Amino acid sequence: MYFAMTANELRSKYIEFFKSKGHAAISGQSLIPENDPSVLFTMAGMHPLVPYLLGEKHPAGTRLTDYQKC
C-alpha cells in the first residue's frame, strides 16, 4: 500500500506525534546561528539548545520537539 504525503503533511504529523507524547513544539532556528557564525549545518539545529543541554531550564519544559528547515 502506498501513501503519498506532502512535506508539510509529513512535518505536521511529525510534530503532532511528539506533541501527543507530551513534548512542547519549539520554533526551528536558522542554519547560521545569530551569535556564532562558525557553527554551521551539523550542529546548527542543536546550537540554540546548548544552554539547556548544559543544565539551564528551558521555558517550555524538558520535552521539546522541532524540525530543521533545509
N, C-alpha and C. Protein backbone atom coordinates (compact mmCIF):
# COMPACT_ATOMS: atom_id res chain seq x y z
N MET A 1 0.84 -1.17 0.00
CA MET A 1 0.00 0.00 0.00
C MET A 1 0.90 1.24 0.00
N TYR A 2 0.54 2.23 -0.76
CA TYR A 2 1.34 3.44 -0.93
C TYR A 2 0.56 4.66 -0.45
N PHE A 3 1.17 5.45 0.40
CA PHE A 3 0.55 6.68 0.88
C PHE A 3 1.41 7.85 0.46
N ALA A 4 0.83 8.78 -0.27
CA ALA A 4 1.57 9.98 -0.68
C ALA A 4 1.30 11.08 0.34
N MET A 5 2.36 11.79 0.70
CA MET A 5 2.24 12.88 1.65
C MET A 5 3.11 14.03 1.18
N THR A 6 2.63 15.23 1.36
CA THR A 6 3.46 16.39 1.04
C THR A 6 4.45 16.60 2.20
N ALA A 7 5.46 17.41 1.96
CA ALA A 7 6.43 17.72 3.01
C ALA A 7 5.74 18.39 4.20
N ASN A 8 4.78 19.26 3.92
CA ASN A 8 4.06 19.94 5.00
C ASN A 8 3.23 18.96 5.84
N GLU A 9 2.60 17.98 5.17
CA GLU A 9 1.83 16.97 5.89
C GLU A 9 2.74 16.11 6.77
N LEU A 10 3.87 15.70 6.22
CA LEU A 10 4.83 14.90 6.98
C LEU A 10 5.35 15.67 8.19
N ARG A 11 5.73 16.93 7.97
CA ARG A 11 6.22 17.78 9.06
C ARG A 11 5.16 17.91 10.15
N SER A 12 3.92 18.15 9.74
CA SER A 12 2.83 18.31 10.70
C SER A 12 2.61 17.03 11.50
N LYS A 13 2.62 15.88 10.84
CA LYS A 13 2.44 14.60 11.53
C LYS A 13 3.59 14.33 12.51
N TYR A 14 4.80 14.69 12.11
CA TYR A 14 5.98 14.52 12.97
C TYR A 14 5.81 15.33 14.25
N ILE A 15 5.49 16.62 14.10
CA ILE A 15 5.32 17.49 15.26
C ILE A 15 4.14 17.02 16.12
N GLU A 16 3.03 16.67 15.50
CA GLU A 16 1.85 16.22 16.25
C GLU A 16 2.12 14.94 17.02
N PHE A 17 2.93 14.03 16.45
CA PHE A 17 3.28 12.80 17.16
C PHE A 17 3.97 13.14 18.48
N PHE A 18 4.98 13.99 18.42
CA PHE A 18 5.72 14.32 19.64
C PHE A 18 4.88 15.14 20.61
N LYS A 19 4.02 16.02 20.10
CA LYS A 19 3.13 16.78 20.98
C LYS A 19 2.18 15.83 21.71
N SER A 20 1.72 14.78 21.02
CA SER A 20 0.82 13.81 21.65
C SER A 20 1.51 13.03 22.76
N LYS A 21 2.83 13.01 22.75
CA LYS A 21 3.62 12.33 23.78
C LYS A 21 4.09 13.29 24.87
N GLY A 22 3.56 14.52 24.87
CA GLY A 22 3.87 15.48 25.92
C GLY A 22 5.01 16.43 25.64
N HIS A 23 5.50 16.45 24.40
CA HIS A 23 6.58 17.38 24.05
C HIS A 23 6.01 18.74 23.67
N ALA A 24 6.75 19.79 23.94
CA ALA A 24 6.37 21.14 23.53
C ALA A 24 7.03 21.44 22.20
N ALA A 25 6.28 21.96 21.25
CA ALA A 25 6.85 22.33 19.95
C ALA A 25 7.54 23.69 20.09
N ILE A 26 8.80 23.74 19.69
CA ILE A 26 9.55 24.99 19.71
C ILE A 26 9.91 25.34 18.28
N SER A 27 10.19 26.59 18.02
CA SER A 27 10.47 27.00 16.64
C SER A 27 11.85 26.56 16.21
N GLY A 28 11.97 26.21 14.93
CA GLY A 28 13.27 25.88 14.36
C GLY A 28 14.14 27.12 14.27
N GLN A 29 15.42 26.93 14.08
CA GLN A 29 16.36 28.03 14.04
C GLN A 29 17.08 28.06 12.69
N SER A 30 17.70 29.17 12.41
CA SER A 30 18.48 29.33 11.19
C SER A 30 19.68 28.39 11.20
N LEU A 31 20.11 27.96 10.02
CA LEU A 31 21.32 27.13 9.93
C LEU A 31 22.56 27.92 10.30
N ILE A 32 22.46 29.25 10.26
CA ILE A 32 23.58 30.11 10.68
C ILE A 32 23.14 30.80 11.96
N PRO A 33 23.60 30.33 13.12
CA PRO A 33 23.19 30.93 14.38
C PRO A 33 23.56 32.40 14.48
N GLU A 34 22.70 33.18 15.13
CA GLU A 34 22.92 34.63 15.27
C GLU A 34 24.24 34.96 15.96
N ASN A 35 24.54 34.25 17.03
CA ASN A 35 25.68 34.63 17.86
C ASN A 35 26.96 33.85 17.59
N ASP A 36 26.96 32.93 16.62
CA ASP A 36 28.16 32.14 16.35
C ASP A 36 28.16 31.62 14.92
N PRO A 37 28.61 32.43 13.95
CA PRO A 37 28.59 32.00 12.55
C PRO A 37 29.56 30.87 12.24
N SER A 38 30.39 30.46 13.20
CA SER A 38 31.32 29.36 12.94
C SER A 38 30.64 27.99 13.07
N VAL A 39 29.46 27.96 13.68
CA VAL A 39 28.75 26.69 13.86
C VAL A 39 27.74 26.55 12.72
N LEU A 40 28.03 25.66 11.79
CA LEU A 40 27.16 25.52 10.63
C LEU A 40 26.67 24.08 10.45
N PHE A 41 25.50 23.94 9.90
CA PHE A 41 24.87 22.71 9.46
C PHE A 41 24.79 21.58 10.48
N THR A 42 25.88 20.88 10.77
CA THR A 42 25.78 19.69 11.60
C THR A 42 25.34 19.98 13.02
N MET A 43 25.73 21.11 13.56
CA MET A 43 25.37 21.46 14.93
C MET A 43 24.27 22.51 15.00
N ALA A 44 23.94 23.13 13.88
CA ALA A 44 23.04 24.29 13.89
C ALA A 44 21.70 24.00 14.56
N GLY A 45 21.13 22.83 14.32
CA GLY A 45 19.83 22.52 14.91
C GLY A 45 19.85 22.44 16.42
N MET A 46 20.96 22.01 16.99
CA MET A 46 21.09 21.87 18.43
C MET A 46 21.67 23.12 19.09
N HIS A 47 22.32 23.96 18.32
CA HIS A 47 23.05 25.11 18.87
C HIS A 47 22.19 25.99 19.78
N PRO A 48 20.95 26.34 19.40
CA PRO A 48 20.13 27.19 20.28
C PRO A 48 19.79 26.51 21.61
N LEU A 49 19.92 25.18 21.67
CA LEU A 49 19.56 24.46 22.89
C LEU A 49 20.75 24.21 23.82
N VAL A 50 21.95 24.61 23.43
CA VAL A 50 23.15 24.34 24.23
C VAL A 50 22.99 24.77 25.69
N PRO A 51 22.50 25.99 25.98
CA PRO A 51 22.36 26.36 27.40
C PRO A 51 21.47 25.38 28.18
N TYR A 52 20.44 24.86 27.52
CA TYR A 52 19.51 23.96 28.18
C TYR A 52 20.10 22.56 28.30
N LEU A 53 20.92 22.15 27.33
CA LEU A 53 21.60 20.87 27.42
C LEU A 53 22.65 20.89 28.53
N LEU A 54 23.13 22.07 28.86
CA LEU A 54 24.13 22.22 29.93
C LEU A 54 23.50 22.46 31.30
N GLY A 55 22.17 22.39 31.38
CA GLY A 55 21.51 22.45 32.68
C GLY A 55 20.56 23.61 32.91
N GLU A 56 20.62 24.65 32.10
CA GLU A 56 19.68 25.77 32.27
C GLU A 56 18.28 25.27 31.91
N LYS A 57 17.27 25.74 32.60
CA LYS A 57 15.90 25.29 32.34
C LYS A 57 15.30 26.01 31.13
N HIS A 58 14.69 25.24 30.22
CA HIS A 58 14.00 25.81 29.06
C HIS A 58 12.60 26.23 29.49
N PRO A 59 12.13 27.40 29.07
CA PRO A 59 10.80 27.87 29.49
C PRO A 59 9.66 26.93 29.09
N ALA A 60 9.84 26.13 28.04
CA ALA A 60 8.78 25.23 27.59
C ALA A 60 8.88 23.85 28.24
N GLY A 61 9.86 23.62 29.09
CA GLY A 61 9.98 22.33 29.78
C GLY A 61 11.16 21.50 29.29
N THR A 62 11.11 20.21 29.59
CA THR A 62 12.24 19.33 29.26
C THR A 62 11.97 18.44 28.05
N ARG A 63 10.73 18.38 27.60
CA ARG A 63 10.40 17.54 26.44
C ARG A 63 10.05 18.46 25.28
N LEU A 64 10.98 18.58 24.34
CA LEU A 64 10.84 19.54 23.24
C LEU A 64 10.89 18.83 21.90
N THR A 65 10.28 19.43 20.91
CA THR A 65 10.40 18.93 19.54
C THR A 65 10.41 20.12 18.60
N ASP A 66 11.10 19.95 17.47
CA ASP A 66 11.09 20.95 16.41
C ASP A 66 11.51 20.26 15.12
N TYR A 67 11.60 21.01 14.07
CA TYR A 67 12.14 20.49 12.82
C TYR A 67 13.08 21.54 12.26
N GLN A 68 14.08 21.08 11.56
CA GLN A 68 15.08 21.98 10.99
C GLN A 68 14.78 22.17 9.51
N LYS A 69 14.58 23.40 9.10
CA LYS A 69 14.35 23.68 7.68
C LYS A 69 15.63 23.40 6.90
N CYS A 70 15.48 22.94 5.68
CA CYS A 70 16.67 22.72 4.84
C CYS A 70 16.59 23.58 3.60
